[in-house]
Amino acid sequence: MSFQDRDLTCVECGQSFTFSADDQQYHREKGYTNEPKRCPNCRQARRSSNYGSSSYGSSYGSGYGSSGGRSQREMHDAVCAQCGKDTQVPFRPSGDRPVYCSDCFSKQPASSPRRY
């Protein structure tokens, strides 16, 4: 399928932003069915304000259900430090280290061996 750049309107600030063909292809590859509702600036501002709040509640516990089996992993929204695309990671980014999408992470050189 061929994608074309589309102009969307941000629900937060009302500004127009481009949902690029590359971003549309990325969304499809990741299985996302909804198009973005916020411009990149408003998405980043929303993430920044959510990470600093303590309103996550107790539903984000140890990651294990009462049956003793592993429950679904909690994912957090982030922006890839290399390509700038929206991604999700299994940890809450603190902002002091870069976060990468899975494609860019796999291209990172292996870190030096750890000494124990």
PDB file of N, CA and C in Angstrom:
ATOM      1  N   MET A   1       0.844  -1.181   0.000  1.00  0.00           N
ATOM      2  CA  MET A   1       0.000   0.000   0.000  1.00  0.00           C
ATOM      3  C   MET A   1       0.882   1.236   0.000  1.00  0.00           C
ATOM      4  N   SER A   2       0.481   2.217  -0.790  1.00  0.00           N
ATOM      5  CA  SER A   2       1.245   3.450  -0.892  1.00  0.00           C
ATOM      6  C   SER A   2       0.613   4.517   0.000  1.00  0.00           C
ATOM      7  N   PHE A   3       1.430   5.142   0.822  1.00  0.00           N
ATOM      8  CA  PHE A   3       0.948   6.177   1.726  1.00  0.00           C
ATOM      9  C   PHE A   3       1.312   7.547   1.169  1.00  0.00           C
ATOM     10  N   GLN A   4       0.506   8.537   1.520  1.00  0.00           N
ATOM     11  CA  GLN A   4       0.776   9.918   1.139  1.00  0.00           C
ATOM     12  C   GLN A   4       0.693  10.785   2.387  1.00  0.00           C
ATOM     13  N   ASP A   5       1.517  11.842   2.431  1.00  0.00           N
ATOM     14  CA  ASP A   5       1.462  12.772   3.551  1.00  0.00           C
ATOM     15  C   ASP A   5       0.041  13.310   3.691  1.00  0.00           C
ATOM     16  N   ARG A   6      -0.412  13.425   4.961  1.00  0.00           N
ATOM     17  CA  ARG A   6      -1.745  13.950   5.231  1.00  0.00           C
ATOM     18  C   ARG A   6      -1.641  15.037   6.286  1.00  0.00           C
ATOM     19  N   ASP A   7      -2.419  16.072   6.123  1.00  0.00           N
ATOM     20  CA  ASP A   7      -2.483  17.131   7.125  1.00  0.00           C
ATOM     21  C   ASP A   7      -3.600  16.815   8.109  1.00  0.00           C
ATOM     22  N   LEU A   8      -3.253  16.829   9.405  1.00  0.00           N
ATOM     23  CA  LEU A   8      -4.212  16.583  10.475  1.00  0.00           C
ATOM     24  C   LEU A   8      -4.253  17.809  11.376  1.00  0.00           C
ATOM     25  N   THR A   9      -5.288  17.913  12.195  1.00  0.00           N
ATOM     26  CA  THR A   9      -5.422  19.019  13.134  1.00  0.00           C
ATOM     27  C   THR A   9      -5.298  18.493  14.554  1.00  0.00           C
ATOM     28  N   CYS A  10      -4.442  19.119  15.335  1.00  0.00           N
ATOM     29  CA  CYS A  10      -4.188  18.720  16.713  1.00  0.00           C
ATOM     30  C   CYS A  10      -5.410  19.036  17.579  1.00  0.00           C
ATOM     31  N   VAL A  11      -5.842  18.049  18.398  1.00  0.00           N
ATOM     32  CA  VAL A  11      -6.993  18.259  19.279  1.00  0.00           C
ATOM     33  C   VAL A  11      -6.634  19.139  20.478  1.00  0.00           C
ATOM     34  N   GLU A  12      -5.350  19.288  20.783  1.00  0.00           N
ATOM     35  CA  GLU A  12      -4.913  20.116  21.913  1.00  0.00           C
ATOM     36  C   GLU A  12      -4.802  21.590  21.532  1.00  0.00           C
ATOM     37  N   CYS A  13      -3.986  21.875  20.508  1.00  0.00           N
ATOM     38  CA  CYS A  13      -3.683  23.276  20.189  1.00  0.00           C
ATOM     39  C   CYS A  13      -4.388  23.774  18.936  1.00  0.00           C
ATOM     40  N   GLY A  14      -5.003  22.873  18.162  1.00  0.00           N
ATOM     41  CA  GLY A  14      -5.724  23.268  16.966  1.00  0.00           C
ATOM     42  C   GLY A  14      -4.844  23.534  15.753  1.00  0.00           C
ATOM     43  N   GLN A  15      -3.534  23.348  15.883  1.00  0.00           N
ATOM     44  CA  GLN A  15      -2.616  23.586  14.778  1.00  0.00           C
ATOM     45  C   GLN A  15      -2.626  22.392  13.821  1.00  0.00           C
ATOM     46  N   SER A  16      -2.341  22.667  12.574  1.00  0.00           N
ATOM     47  CA  SER A  16      -2.224  21.621  11.574  1.00  0.00           C
ATOM     48  C   SER A  16      -0.834  20.998  11.672  1.00  0.00           C
ATOM     49  N   PHE A  17      -0.767  19.673  11.480  1.00  0.00           N
ATOM     50  CA  PHE A  17       0.523  18.995  11.433  1.00  0.00           C
ATOM     51  C   PHE A  17       0.455  17.890  10.391  1.00  0.00           C
ATOM     52  N   THR A  18       1.616  17.480   9.897  1.00  0.00           N
ATOM     53  CA  THR A  18       1.674  16.496   8.830  1.00  0.00           C
ATOM     54  C   THR A  18       1.872  15.098   9.400  1.00  0.00           C
ATOM     55  N   PHE A  19       1.001  14.192   8.989  1.00  0.00           N
ATOM     56  CA  PHE A  19       1.138  12.773   9.292  1.00  0.00           C
ATOM     57  C   PHE A  19       1.797  12.189   8.044  1.00  0.00           C
ATOM     58  N   SER A  20       3.123  12.093   8.085  1.00  0.00           N
ATOM     59  CA  SER A  20       3.901  11.754   6.894  1.00  0.00           C
ATOM     60  C   SER A  20       3.648  10.324   6.436  1.00  0.00           C
ATOM     61  N   ALA A  21       3.964  10.060   5.191  1.00  0.00           N
ATOM     62  CA  ALA A  21       3.826   8.717   4.640  1.00  0.00           C
ATOM     63  C   ALA A  21       4.688   7.737   5.419  1.00  0.00           C
ATOM     64  N   ASP A  22       5.897   8.159   5.800  1.00  0.00           N
ATOM     65  CA  ASP A  22       6.779   7.289   6.588  1.00  0.00           C
ATOM     66  C   ASP A  22       6.150   6.960   7.940  1.00  0.00           C
ATOM     67  N   ASP A  23       5.575   7.975   8.600  1.00  0.00           N
ATOM     68  CA  ASP A  23       4.927   7.740   9.891  1.00  0.00           C
ATOM     69  C   ASP A  23       3.718   6.821   9.743  1.00  0.00           C
ATOM     70  N   GLN A  24       2.959   6.982   8.650  1.00  0.00           N
ATOM     71  CA  GLN A  24       1.806   6.113   8.415  1.00  0.00           C
ATOM     72  C   GLN A  24       2.252   4.666   8.228  1.00  0.00           C
ATOM     73  N   GLN A  25       3.335   4.476   7.488  1.00  0.00           N
ATOM     74  CA  GLN A  25       3.859   3.124   7.287  1.00  0.00           C
ATOM     75  C   GLN A  25       4.332   2.539   8.613  1.00  0.00           C
ATOM     76  N   TYR A  26       5.008   3.350   9.421  1.00  0.00           N
ATOM     77  CA  TYR A  26       5.468   2.911  10.737  1.00  0.00           C
ATOM     78  C   TYR A  26       4.278   2.494  11.606  1.00  0.00           C
ATOM     79  N   HIS A  27       3.215   3.312  11.610  1.00  0.00           N
ATOM     80  CA  HIS A  27       2.020   2.987  12.393  1.00  0.00           C
ATOM     81  C   HIS A  27       1.437   1.641  11.953  1.00  0.00           C
ATOM     82  N   ARG A  28       1.378   1.426  10.656  1.00  0.00           N
ATOM     83  CA  ARG A  28       0.821   0.163  10.157  1.00  0.00           C
ATOM     84  C   ARG A  28       1.700  -1.015  10.579  1.00  0.00           C
ATOM     85  N   GLU A  29       3.031  -0.873  10.459  1.00  0.00           N
ATOM     86  CA  GLU A  29       3.946  -1.953  10.828  1.00  0.00           C
ATOM     87  C   GLU A  29       3.824  -2.305  12.309  1.00  0.00           C
ATOM     88  N   LYS A  30       3.564  -1.309  13.149  1.00  0.00           N
ATOM     89  CA  LYS A  30       3.425  -1.530  14.584  1.00  0.00           C
ATOM     90  C   LYS A  30       2.030  -2.004  14.967  1.00  0.00           C
ATOM     91  N   GLY A  31       1.109  -2.005  14.004  1.00  0.00           N
ATOM     92  CA  GLY A  31      -0.243  -2.475  14.285  1.00  0.00           C
ATOM     93  C   GLY A  31      -1.152  -1.409  14.874  1.00  0.00           C
ATOM     94  N   TYR A  32      -0.733  -0.153  14.833  1.00  0.00           N
ATOM     95  CA  TYR A  32      -1.579   0.927  15.344  1.00  0.00           C
ATOM     96  C   TYR A  32      -2.726   1.148  14.364  1.00  0.00           C
ATOM     97  N   THR A  33      -3.932   1.301  14.890  1.00  0.00           N
ATOM     98  CA  THR A  33      -5.089   1.494  14.028  1.00  0.00           C
ATOM     99  C   THR A  33      -5.593   2.927  14.030  1.00  0.00           C
ATOM    100  N   ASN A  34      -5.236   3.706  15.033  1.00  0.00           N
ATOM    101  CA  ASN A  34      -5.679   5.095  15.111  1.00  0.00           C
ATOM    102  C   ASN A  34      -4.575   6.032  14.624  1.00  0.00           C
ATOM    103  N   GLU A  35      -4.985   7.087  13.933  1.00  0.00           N
ATOM    104  CA  GLU A  35      -3.994   8.080  13.537  1.00  0.00           C
ATOM    105  C   GLU A  35      -3.769   9.033  14.708  1.00  0.00           C
ATOM    106  N   PRO A  36      -2.635   9.723  14.716  1.00  0.00           N
ATOM    107  CA  PRO A  36      -2.347  10.613  15.845  1.00  0.00           C
ATOM    108  C   PRO A  36      -3.380  11.734  15.949  1.00  0.00           C
ATOM    109  N   LYS A  37      -3.692  12.114  17.180  1.00  0.00           N
ATOM    110  CA  LYS A  37      -4.654  13.188  17.420  1.00  0.00           C
ATOM    111  C   LYS A  37      -3.967  14.472  17.862  1.00  0.00           C
ATOM    112  N   ARG A  38      -2.698  14.347  18.257  1.00  0.00           N
ATOM    113  CA  ARG A  38      -1.948  15.507  18.748  1.00  0.00           C
ATOM    114  C   ARG A  38      -0.714  15.728  17.890  1.00  0.00           C
ATOM    115  N   CYS A  39      -0.333  16.984  17.745  1.00  0.00           N
ATOM    116  CA  CYS A  39       0.888  17.312  17.018  1.00  0.00           C
ATOM    117  C   CYS A  39       2.102  16.848  17.832  1.00  0.00           C
ATOM    118  N   PRO A  40       3.254  16.727  17.215  1.00  0.00           N
ATOM    119  CA  PRO A  40       4.436  16.264  17.960  1.00  0.00           C
ATOM    120  C   PRO A  40       4.730  17.082  19.217  1.00  0.00           C
ATOM    121  N   ASN A  41       4.574  18.391  19.164  1.00  0.00           N
ATOM    122  CA  ASN A  41       4.845  19.228  20.347  1.00  0.00           C
ATOM    123  C   ASN A  41       3.877  18.929  21.487  1.00  0.00           C
ATOM    124  N   CYS A  42       2.600  18.787  21.180  1.00  0.00           N
ATOM    125  CA  CYS A  42       1.611  18.497  22.222  1.00  0.00           C
ATOM    126  C   CYS A  42       1.775  17.075  22.763  1.00  0.00           C
ATOM    127  N   ARG A  43       2.164  16.118  21.895  1.00  0.00           N
ATOM    128  CA  ARG A  43       2.425  14.758  22.377  1.00  0.00           C
ATOM    129  C   ARG A  43       3.571  14.764  23.376  1.00  0.00           C
ATOM    130  N   GLN A  44       4.641  15.487  23.028  1.00  0.00           N
ATOM    131  CA  GLN A  44       5.800  15.542  23.917  1.00  0.00           C
ATOM    132  C   GLN A  44       5.437  16.233  25.232  1.00  0.00           C
ATOM    133  N   ALA A  45       4.685  17.313  25.170  1.00  0.00           N
ATOM    134  CA  ALA A  45       4.283  18.029  26.385  1.00  0.00           C
ATOM    135  C   ALA A  45       3.396  17.145  27.259  1.00  0.00           C
ATOM    136  N   ARG A  46       2.507  16.394  26.636  1.00  0.00           N
ATOM    137  CA  ARG A  46       1.621  15.499  27.398  1.00  0.00           C
ATOM    138  C   ARG A  46       2.428  14.402  28.083  1.00  0.00           C
ATOM    139  N   ARG A  47       3.400  13.831  27.360  1.00  0.00           N
ATOM    140  CA  ARG A  47       4.249  12.803  27.965  1.00  0.00           C
ATOM    141  C   ARG A  47       5.046  13.357  29.132  1.00  0.00           C
ATOM    142  N   SER A  48       5.621  14.530  28.940  1.00  0.00           N
ATOM    143  CA  SER A  48       6.438  15.136  29.997  1.00  0.00           C
ATOM    144  C   SER A  48       5.612  15.386  31.244  1.00  0.00           C
ATOM    145  N   SER A  49       4.392  15.866  31.075  1.00  0.00           N
ATOM    146  CA  SER A  49       3.555  16.146  32.247  1.00  0.00           C
ATOM    147  C   SER A  49       3.089  14.858  32.910  1.00  0.00           C
ATOM    148  N   ASN A  50       2.856  13.793  32.153  1.00  0.00           N
ATOM    149  CA  ASN A  50       2.414  12.526  32.736  1.00  0.00           C
ATOM    150  C   ASN A  50       3.525  11.831  33.499  1.00  0.00           C
ATOM    151  N   TYR A  51       4.754  11.914  33.021  1.00  0.00           N
ATOM    152  CA  TYR A  51       5.847  11.219  33.690  1.00  0.00           C
ATOM    153  C   TYR A  51       6.170  11.843  35.039  1.00  0.00           C
ATOM    154  N   GLY A  52       5.888  13.111  35.200  1.00  0.00           N
ATOM    155  CA  GLY A  52       6.186  13.768  36.458  1.00  0.00           C
ATOM    156  C   GLY A  52       5.089  13.638  37.486  1.00  0.00           C
ATOM    157  N   SER A  53       3.921  13.109  37.082  1.00  0.00           N
ATOM    158  CA  SER A  53       2.799  13.047  38.024  1.00  0.00           C
ATOM    159  C   SER A  53       2.812  11.756  38.809  1.00  0.00           C
ATOM    160  N   SER A  54       2.081  11.770  39.882  1.00  0.00           N
ATOM    161  CA  SER A  54       1.979  10.564  40.706  1.00  0.00           C
ATOM    162  C   SER A  54       0.581   9.981  40.600  1.00  0.00           C
ATOM    163  N   SER A  55      -0.096  10.213  39.493  1.00  0.00           N
ATOM    164  CA  SER A  55      -1.474   9.767  39.340  1.00  0.00           C
ATOM    165  C   SER A  55      -1.582   8.410  38.667  1.00  0.00           C
ATOM    166  N   TYR A  56      -0.543   7.604  38.711  1.00  0.00           N
ATOM    167  CA  TYR A  56      -0.602   6.309  38.055  1.00  0.00           C
ATOM    168  C   TYR A  56      -1.406   5.296  38.851  1.00  0.00           C
ATOM    169  N   GLY A  57      -1.577   5.500  40.126  1.00  0.00           N
ATOM    170  CA  GLY A  57      -2.418   4.615  40.918  1.00  0.00           C
ATOM    171  C   GLY A  57      -1.780   3.265  41.149  1.00  0.00           C
ATOM    172  N   SER A  58      -2.526   2.390  41.782  1.00  0.00           N
ATOM    173  CA  SER A  58      -1.987   1.093  42.171  1.00  0.00           C
ATOM    174  C   SER A  58      -2.151   0.030  41.101  1.00  0.00           C
ATOM    175  N   SER A  59      -2.756   0.349  39.969  1.00  0.00           N
ATOM    176  CA  SER A  59      -2.949  -0.671  38.947  1.00  0.00           C
ATOM    177  C   SER A  59      -1.642  -1.043  38.261  1.00  0.00           C
ATOM    178  N   TYR A  60      -0.583  -0.306  38.513  1.00  0.00           N
ATOM    179  CA  TYR A  60       0.712  -0.608  37.922  1.00  0.00           C
ATOM    180  C   TYR A  60       1.602  -1.213  38.995  1.00  0.00           C
ATOM    181  N   GLY A  61       1.308  -2.435  39.318  1.00  0.00           N
ATOM    182  CA  GLY A  61       2.015  -3.097  40.412  1.00  0.00           C
ATOM    183  C   GLY A  61       3.205  -3.885  39.926  1.00  0.00           C
ATOM    184  N   SER A  62       3.360  -5.067  40.455  1.00  0.00           N
ATOM    185  CA  SER A  62       4.540  -5.873  40.216  1.00  0.00           C
ATOM    186  C   SER A  62       4.562  -6.514  38.845  1.00  0.00           C
ATOM    187  N   GLY A  63       3.474  -6.465  38.099  1.00  0.00           N
ATOM    188  CA  GLY A  63       3.448  -7.078  36.786  1.00  0.00           C
ATOM    189  C   GLY A  63       2.974  -8.513  36.808  1.00  0.00           C
ATOM    190  N   TYR A  64       2.567  -9.028  37.942  1.00  0.00           N
ATOM    191  CA  TYR A  64       2.084 -10.392  38.057  1.00  0.00           C
ATOM    192  C   TYR A  64       0.650 -10.391  38.543  1.00  0.00           C
ATOM    193  N   GLY A  65      -0.171 -11.223  37.929  1.00  0.00           N
ATOM    194  CA  GLY A  65      -1.565 -11.318  38.319  1.00  0.00           C
ATOM    195  C   GLY A  65      -1.736 -12.222  39.527  1.00  0.00           C
ATOM    196  N   SER A  66      -2.947 -12.282  40.045  1.00  0.00           N
ATOM    197  CA  SER A  66      -3.205 -13.086  41.227  1.00  0.00           C
ATOM    198  C   SER A  66      -3.108 -14.574  40.939  1.00  0.00           C
ATOM    199  N   SER A  67      -3.156 -14.963  39.669  1.00  0.00           N
ATOM    200  CA  SER A  67      -3.060 -16.374  39.324  1.00  0.00           C
ATOM    201  C   SER A  67      -1.623 -16.870  39.327  1.00  0.00           C
ATOM    202  N   GLY A  68      -0.681 -15.998  39.576  1.00  0.00           N
ATOM    203  CA  GLY A  68       0.714 -16.389  39.606  1.00  0.00           C
ATOM    204  C   GLY A  68       1.369 -16.309  38.238  1.00  0.00           C
ATOM    205  N   GLY A  69       0.584 -16.128  37.174  1.00  0.00           N
ATOM    206  CA  GLY A  69       1.137 -16.005  35.830  1.00  0.00           C
ATOM    207  C   GLY A  69       1.525 -14.570  35.533  1.00  0.00           C
ATOM    208  N   ARG A  70       2.274 -14.414  34.499  1.00  0.00           N
ATOM    209  CA  ARG A  70       2.711 -13.066  34.130  1.00  0.00           C
ATOM    210  C   ARG A  70       1.583 -12.333  33.413  1.00  0.00           C
ATOM    211  N   SER A  71       1.322 -11.108  33.809  1.00  0.00           N
ATOM    212  CA  SER A  71       0.301 -10.301  33.162  1.00  0.00           C
ATOM    213  C   SER A  71       0.926  -9.500  32.027  1.00  0.00           C
ATOM    214  N   GLN A  72       0.089  -8.808  31.306  1.00  0.00           N
ATOM    215  CA  GLN A  72       0.562  -7.983  30.197  1.00  0.00           C
ATOM    216  C   GLN A  72       1.523  -6.917  30.717  1.00  0.00           C
ATOM    217  N   ARG A  73       2.622  -6.720  30.023  1.00  0.00           N
ATOM    218  CA  ARG A  73       3.622  -5.738  30.430  1.00  0.00           C
ATOM    219  C   ARG A  73       3.116  -4.325  30.180  1.00  0.00           C
ATOM    220  N   GLU A  74       3.305  -3.465  31.127  1.00  0.00           N
ATOM    221  CA  GLU A  74       2.921  -2.069  30.983  1.00  0.00           C
ATOM    222  C   GLU A  74       3.911  -1.383  30.055  1.00  0.00           C
ATOM    223  N   MET A  75       3.388  -0.688  29.051  1.00  0.00           N
ATOM    224  CA  MET A  75       4.235   0.012  28.090  1.00  0.00           C
ATOM    225  C   MET A  75       4.051   1.516  28.266  1.00  0.00           C
ATOM    226  N   HIS A  76       5.108   2.261  27.975  1.00  0.00           N
ATOM    227  CA  HIS A  76       5.096   3.714  28.128  1.00  0.00           C
ATOM    228  C   HIS A  76       5.433   4.371  26.801  1.00  0.00           C
ATOM    229  N   ASP A  77       4.735   5.455  26.492  1.00  0.00           N
ATOM    230  CA  ASP A  77       4.997   6.197  25.273  1.00  0.00           C
ATOM    231  C   ASP A  77       6.328   6.927  25.370  1.00  0.00           C
ATOM    232  N   ALA A  78       7.026   7.001  24.255  1.00  0.00           N
ATOM    233  CA  ALA A  78       8.306   7.706  24.192  1.00  0.00           C
ATOM    234  C   ALA A  78       8.526   8.154  22.756  1.00  0.00           C
ATOM    235  N   VAL A  79       9.517   9.007  22.572  1.00  0.00           N
ATOM    236  CA  VAL A  79       9.929   9.450  21.249  1.00  0.00           C
ATOM    237  C   VAL A  79      11.356   8.980  21.049  1.00  0.00           C
ATOM    238  N   CYS A  80      11.605   8.302  19.947  1.00  0.00           N
ATOM    239  CA  CYS A  80      12.937   7.769  19.662  1.00  0.00           C
ATOM    240  C   CYS A  80      13.944   8.910  19.547  1.00  0.00           C
ATOM    241  N   ALA A  81      15.052   8.783  20.273  1.00  0.00           N
ATOM    242  CA  ALA A  81      16.087   9.812  20.278  1.00  0.00           C
ATOM    243  C   ALA A  81      16.838   9.871  18.960  1.00  0.00           C
ATOM    244  N   GLN A  82      16.759   8.817  18.157  1.00  0.00           N
ATOM    245  CA  GLN A  82      17.497   8.805  16.898  1.00  0.00           C
ATOM    246  C   GLN A  82      16.638   9.232  15.717  1.00  0.00           C
ATOM    247  N   CYS A  83      15.471   8.601  15.537  1.00  0.00           N
ATOM    248  CA  CYS A  83      14.658   8.894  14.348  1.00  0.00           C
ATOM    249  C   CYS A  83      13.469   9.811  14.640  1.00  0.00           C
ATOM    250  N   GLY A  84      13.139  10.016  15.932  1.00  0.00           N
ATOM    251  CA  GLY A  84      12.054  10.928  16.299  1.00  0.00           C
ATOM    252  C   GLY A  84      10.653  10.350  16.209  1.00  0.00           C
ATOM    253  N   LYS A  85      10.539   9.086  15.915  1.00  0.00           N
ATOM    254  CA  LYS A  85       9.210   8.472  15.812  1.00  0.00           C
ATOM    255  C   LYS A  85       8.671   8.119  17.194  1.00  0.00           C
ATOM    256  N   ASP A  86       7.350   8.099  17.293  1.00  0.00           N
ATOM    257  CA  ASP A  86       6.701   7.673  18.531  1.00  0.00           C
ATOM    258  C   ASP A  86       6.923   6.174  18.699  1.00  0.00           C
ATOM    259  N   THR A  87       7.163   5.750  19.912  1.00  0.00           N
ATOM    260  CA  THR A  87       7.375   4.346  20.201  1.00  0.00           C
ATOM    261  C   THR A  87       6.863   4.045  21.595  1.00  0.00           C
ATOM    262  N   GLN A  88       6.882   2.796  21.971  1.00  0.00           N
ATOM    263  CA  GLN A  88       6.521   2.400  23.320  1.00  0.00           C
ATOM    264  C   GLN A  88       7.634   1.532  23.873  1.00  0.00           C
ATOM    265  N   VAL A  89       7.924   1.726  25.140  1.00  0.00           N
ATOM    266  CA  VAL A  89       8.995   0.986  25.803  1.00  0.00           C
ATOM    267  C   VAL A  89       8.463   0.395  27.108  1.00  0.00           C
ATOM    268  N   PRO A  90       9.076  -0.696  27.587  1.00  0.00           N
ATOM    269  CA  PRO A  90       8.578  -1.367  28.794  1.00  0.00           C
ATOM    270  C   PRO A  90       9.087  -0.762  30.095  1.00  0.00           C
ATOM    271  N   PHE A  91       9.492   0.490  30.069  1.00  0.00           N
ATOM    272  CA  PHE A  91       9.949   1.184  31.272  1.00  0.00           C
ATOM    273  C   PHE A  91       9.541   2.643  31.157  1.00  0.00           C
ATOM    274  N   ARG A  92       9.478   3.341  32.271  1.00  0.00           N
ATOM    275  CA  ARG A  92       9.104   4.745  32.262  1.00  0.00           C
ATOM    276  C   ARG A  92      10.370   5.570  32.024  1.00  0.00           C
ATOM    277  N   PRO A  93      10.487   6.207  30.846  1.00  0.00           N
ATOM    278  CA  PRO A  93      11.685   6.997  30.565  1.00  0.00           C
ATOM    279  C   PRO A  93      11.826   8.137  31.568  1.00  0.00           C
ATOM    280  N   SER A  94      13.040   8.316  32.066  1.00  0.00           N
ATOM    281  CA  SER A  94      13.277   9.357  33.066  1.00  0.00           C
ATOM    282  C   SER A  94      13.751  10.649  32.428  1.00  0.00           C
ATOM    283  N   GLY A  95      14.157  10.605  31.163  1.00  0.00           N
ATOM    284  CA  GLY A  95      14.600  11.804  30.479  1.00  0.00           C
ATOM    285  C   GLY A  95      16.099  12.028  30.547  1.00  0.00           C
ATOM    286  N   ASP A  96      16.814  11.274  31.378  1.00  0.00           N
ATOM    287  CA  ASP A  96      18.252  11.506  31.505  1.00  0.00           C
ATOM    288  C   ASP A  96      19.070  10.610  30.576  1.00  0.00           C
ATOM    289  N   ARG A  97      18.411   9.684  29.860  1.00  0.00           N
ATOM    290  CA  ARG A  97      19.100   8.816  28.910  1.00  0.00           C
ATOM    291  C   ARG A  97      18.265   8.722  27.640  1.00  0.00           C
ATOM    292  N   PRO A  98      18.901   8.503  26.502  1.00  0.00           N
ATOM    293  CA  PRO A  98      18.124   8.406  25.256  1.00  0.00           C
ATOM    294  C   PRO A  98      17.269   7.145  25.235  1.00  0.00           C
ATOM    295  N   VAL A  99      16.137   7.247  24.557  1.00  0.00           N
ATOM    296  CA  VAL A  99      15.235   6.116  24.364  1.00  0.00           C
ATOM    297  C   VAL A  99      15.136   5.891  22.861  1.00  0.00           C
ATOM    298  N   TYR A 100      15.194   4.631  22.433  1.00  0.00           N
ATOM    299  CA  TYR A 100      15.162   4.306  21.018  1.00  0.00           C
ATOM    300  C   TYR A 100      13.978   3.403  20.694  1.00  0.00           C
ATOM    301  N   CYS A 101      13.461   3.522  19.461  1.00  0.00           N
ATOM    302  CA  CYS A 101      12.472   2.569  18.979  1.00  0.00           C
ATOM    303  C   CYS A 101      13.204   1.245  18.749  1.00  0.00           C
ATOM    304  N   SER A 102      12.469   0.185  18.544  1.00  0.00           N
ATOM    305  CA  SER A 102      13.113  -1.124  18.418  1.00  0.00           C
ATOM    306  C   SER A 102      14.058  -1.183  17.217  1.00  0.00           C
ATOM    307  N   ASP A 103      13.684  -0.522  16.113  1.00  0.00           N
ATOM    308  CA  ASP A 103      14.554  -0.534  14.934  1.00  0.00           C
ATOM    309  C   ASP A 103      15.876   0.165  15.220  1.00  0.00           C
ATOM    310  N   CYS A 104      15.820   1.363  15.806  1.00  0.00           N
ATOM    311  CA  CYS A 104      17.051   2.107  16.093  1.00  0.00           C
ATOM    312  C   CYS A 104      17.853   1.446  17.208  1.00  0.00           C
ATOM    313  N   PHE A 105      17.170   0.851  18.176  1.00  0.00           N
ATOM    314  CA  PHE A 105      17.877   0.168  19.265  1.00  0.00           C
ATOM    315  C   PHE A 105      18.704  -0.988  18.721  1.00  0.00           C
ATOM    316  N   SER A 106      18.130  -1.731  17.758  1.00  0.00           N
ATOM    317  CA  SER A 106      18.857  -2.878  17.209  1.00  0.00           C
ATOM    318  C   SER A 106      20.081  -2.447  16.406  1.00  0.00           C
ATOM    319  N   LYS A 107      20.122  -1.188  15.977  1.00  0.00           N
ATOM    320  CA  LYS A 107      21.262  -0.672  15.214  1.00  0.00           C
ATOM    321  C   LYS A 107      22.349  -0.071  16.103  1.00  0.00           C
ATOM    322  N   GLN A 108      22.087   0.043  17.402  1.00  0.00           N
ATOM    323  CA  GLN A 108      23.065   0.613  18.320  1.00  0.00           C
ATOM    324  C   GLN A 108      24.216  -0.371  18.515  1.00  0.00           C
ATOM    325  N   PRO A 109      25.445   0.144  18.608  1.00  0.00           N
ATOM    326  CA  PRO A 109      26.569  -0.762  18.863  1.00  0.00           C
ATOM    327  C   PRO A 109      26.445  -1.379  20.260  1.00  0.00           C
ATOM    328  N   ALA A 110      26.943  -2.578  20.384  1.00  0.00           N
ATOM    329  CA  ALA A 110      26.895  -3.264  21.676  1.00  0.00           C
ATOM    330  C   ALA A 110      27.710  -2.475  22.680  1.00  0.00           C
ATOM    331  N   SER A 111      27.203  -2.375  23.880  1.00  0.00           N
ATOM    332  CA  SER A 111      27.947  -1.647  24.929  1.00  0.00           C
ATOM    333  C   SER A 111      29.154  -2.472  25.349  1.00  0.00           C
ATOM    334  N   SER A 112      30.094  -1.797  25.977  1.00  0.00           N
ATOM    335  CA  SER A 112      31.301  -2.494  26.414  1.00  0.00           C
ATOM    336  C   SER A 112      30.930  -3.557  27.442  1.00  0.00           C
ATOM    337  N   PRO A 113      31.700  -4.631  27.501  1.00  0.00           N
ATOM    338  CA  PRO A 113      31.387  -5.705  28.461  1.00  0.00           C
ATOM    339  C   PRO A 113      31.394  -5.198  29.893  1.00  0.00           C
ATOM    340  N   ARG A 114      30.461  -5.703  30.656  1.00  0.00           N
ATOM    341  CA  ARG A 114      30.382  -5.292  32.062  1.00  0.00           C
ATOM    342  C   ARG A 114      31.287  -6.160  32.898  1.00  0.00           C
ATOM    343  N   ARG A 115      31.876  -5.565  33.896  1.00  0.00           N
ATOM    344  CA  ARG A 115      32.734  -6.316  34.818  1.00  0.00           C
ATOM    345  C   ARG A 115      31.973  -6.543  36.104  1.00  0.00           C
ATOM    346  N   TYR A 116      31.961  -7.766  36.540  1.00  0.00           N
ATOM    347  CA  TYR A 116      31.227  -8.108  37.754  1.00  0.00           C
ATOM    348  C   TYR A 116      32.174  -8.404  38.881  1.00  0.00           C
TER     349      TYR A 116
END
